[in-house]
Amino acid sequence: MYFLTALACTIIAGVLFFFFRDRKGLHLDFLTITYGAATLMWLVDCIATAIEGEPFLSFDDPQDGWIALWTLLGGIGLWLLVSFIMNNGKKETPKE
């Protein structure tokens, strides 16, 4: 479930980046890369789980919902932090 959540977040962030690519201050490219990396990480986890003989995707464990939520919130939190730092770092101080 967390793999599908990260994949959906990657697709949504990619579509947003495509439509708002002219607005550099949003840093949606960073959000897309962040969720893409999370998707790759969860894909490797799902493959390792399948190699061990368990199902590739599982919806039985209630903890998967919390992992998916933390993946979503972690990506958004990291994006907000990086966007804040990058947007505030560009401001020049007035010269006297």
Protein backbone atom coordinates (compact mmCIF):
# COMPACT_ATOMS: atom_id res chain seq x y z
CA MET A 1 0.00 0.00 0.00
CA TYR A 2 2.81 2.40 0.81
CA PHE A 3 4.37 1.65 -2.60
CA LEU A 4 1.15 2.61 -4.36
CA THR A 5 0.84 5.75 -2.23
CA ALA A 6 4.36 6.84 -3.12
CA LEU A 7 3.73 6.04 -6.79
CA ALA A 8 0.53 8.10 -6.79
CA CYS A 9 2.36 11.00 -5.09
CA THR A 10 5.12 10.78 -7.71
CA ILE A 11 2.61 10.89 -10.56
CA ILE A 12 0.68 13.79 -9.02
CA ALA A 13 3.87 15.75 -8.30
CA GLY A 14 5.13 15.06 -11.83
CA VAL A 15 1.91 16.31 -13.39
CA LEU A 16 2.00 19.42 -11.18
CA PHE A 17 5.62 20.01 -12.16
CA PHE A 18 4.72 19.64 -15.84
CA PHE A 19 1.93 22.21 -15.67
CA PHE A 20 3.70 24.66 -13.33
CA ARG A 21 7.31 24.28 -14.56
CA ASP A 22 7.53 27.99 -15.34
CA ARG A 23 7.07 28.82 -11.64
CA LYS A 24 10.57 28.06 -10.38
CA GLY A 25 9.81 29.28 -6.86
CA LEU A 26 7.54 26.30 -6.17
CA HIS A 27 10.41 23.80 -6.57
CA LEU A 28 8.03 21.09 -7.71
CA ASP A 29 10.97 19.37 -9.37
CA PHE A 30 12.37 18.66 -5.90
CA LEU A 31 9.01 17.27 -4.76
CA THR A 32 8.85 14.98 -7.80
CA ILE A 33 12.38 13.72 -7.21
CA THR A 34 11.66 13.16 -3.52
CA TYR A 35 8.57 11.08 -4.18
CA GLY A 36 10.31 9.30 -7.06
CA ALA A 37 13.11 8.26 -4.71
CA ALA A 38 10.56 7.07 -2.14
CA THR A 39 8.79 5.06 -4.85
CA LEU A 40 12.07 3.45 -5.87
CA MET A 41 12.83 2.61 -2.24
CA TRP A 42 9.42 1.00 -1.69
CA LEU A 43 9.71 -0.86 -5.01
CA VAL A 44 12.97 -2.44 -3.86
CA ASP A 45 11.27 -3.31 -0.56
CA CYS A 46 8.35 -4.95 -2.40
CA ILE A 47 10.75 -6.93 -4.61
CA ALA A 48 12.69 -8.11 -1.56
CA THR A 49 9.42 -9.13 0.08
CA ALA A 50 8.40 -11.08 -3.02
CA ILE A 51 11.77 -12.86 -3.10
CA GLU A 52 11.16 -13.99 0.49
CA GLY A 53 7.95 -15.67 -0.67
CA GLU A 54 5.44 -13.13 0.58
CA PRO A 55 3.01 -11.25 -1.70
CA PHE A 56 4.40 -8.30 -3.69
CA LEU A 57 1.66 -5.97 -2.43
CA SER A 58 -0.12 -6.53 0.84
CA PHE A 59 -3.15 -4.74 2.20
CA ASP A 60 -3.55 -6.86 5.33
CA ASP A 61 -1.23 -5.09 7.74
CA PRO A 62 -2.88 -2.04 9.37
CA GLN A 63 0.58 -0.53 9.88
CA ASP A 64 0.88 -0.05 6.09
CA GLY A 65 -1.62 2.80 6.26
CA TRP A 66 0.53 4.63 8.77
CA ILE A 67 3.66 4.05 6.69
CA ALA A 68 1.84 5.45 3.65
CA LEU A 69 0.71 8.49 5.63
CA TRP A 70 4.23 9.15 6.93
CA THR A 71 5.60 8.80 3.38
CA LEU A 72 3.11 11.40 2.17
CA LEU A 73 3.68 13.81 5.05
CA GLY A 74 7.45 13.31 5.06
CA GLY A 75 7.71 14.19 1.38
CA ILE A 76 5.56 17.28 1.78
CA GLY A 77 7.43 18.34 4.92
CA LEU A 78 10.83 17.95 3.25
CA TRP A 79 9.60 19.83 0.17
CA LEU A 80 8.27 22.70 2.30
CA LEU A 81 11.53 22.92 4.24
CA VAL A 82 13.71 22.91 1.12
CA SER A 83 11.42 25.38 -0.67
CA PHE A 84 11.54 27.72 2.31
CA ILE A 85 15.34 27.56 2.48
CA MET A 86 15.83 27.97 -1.27
CA ASN A 87 13.34 30.82 -1.61
CA ASN A 88 14.71 32.75 1.37
CA GLY A 89 18.32 32.21 0.34
CA LYS A 90 17.77 34.12 -2.91
CA LYS A 91 16.87 37.43 -1.28
CA GLU A 92 19.60 40.02 -1.51
CA THR A 93 20.35 42.42 1.27
CA PRO A 94 20.08 46.09 0.31
CA LYS A 95 23.39 47.76 -0.41
CA GLU A 96 24.07 51.05 1.29
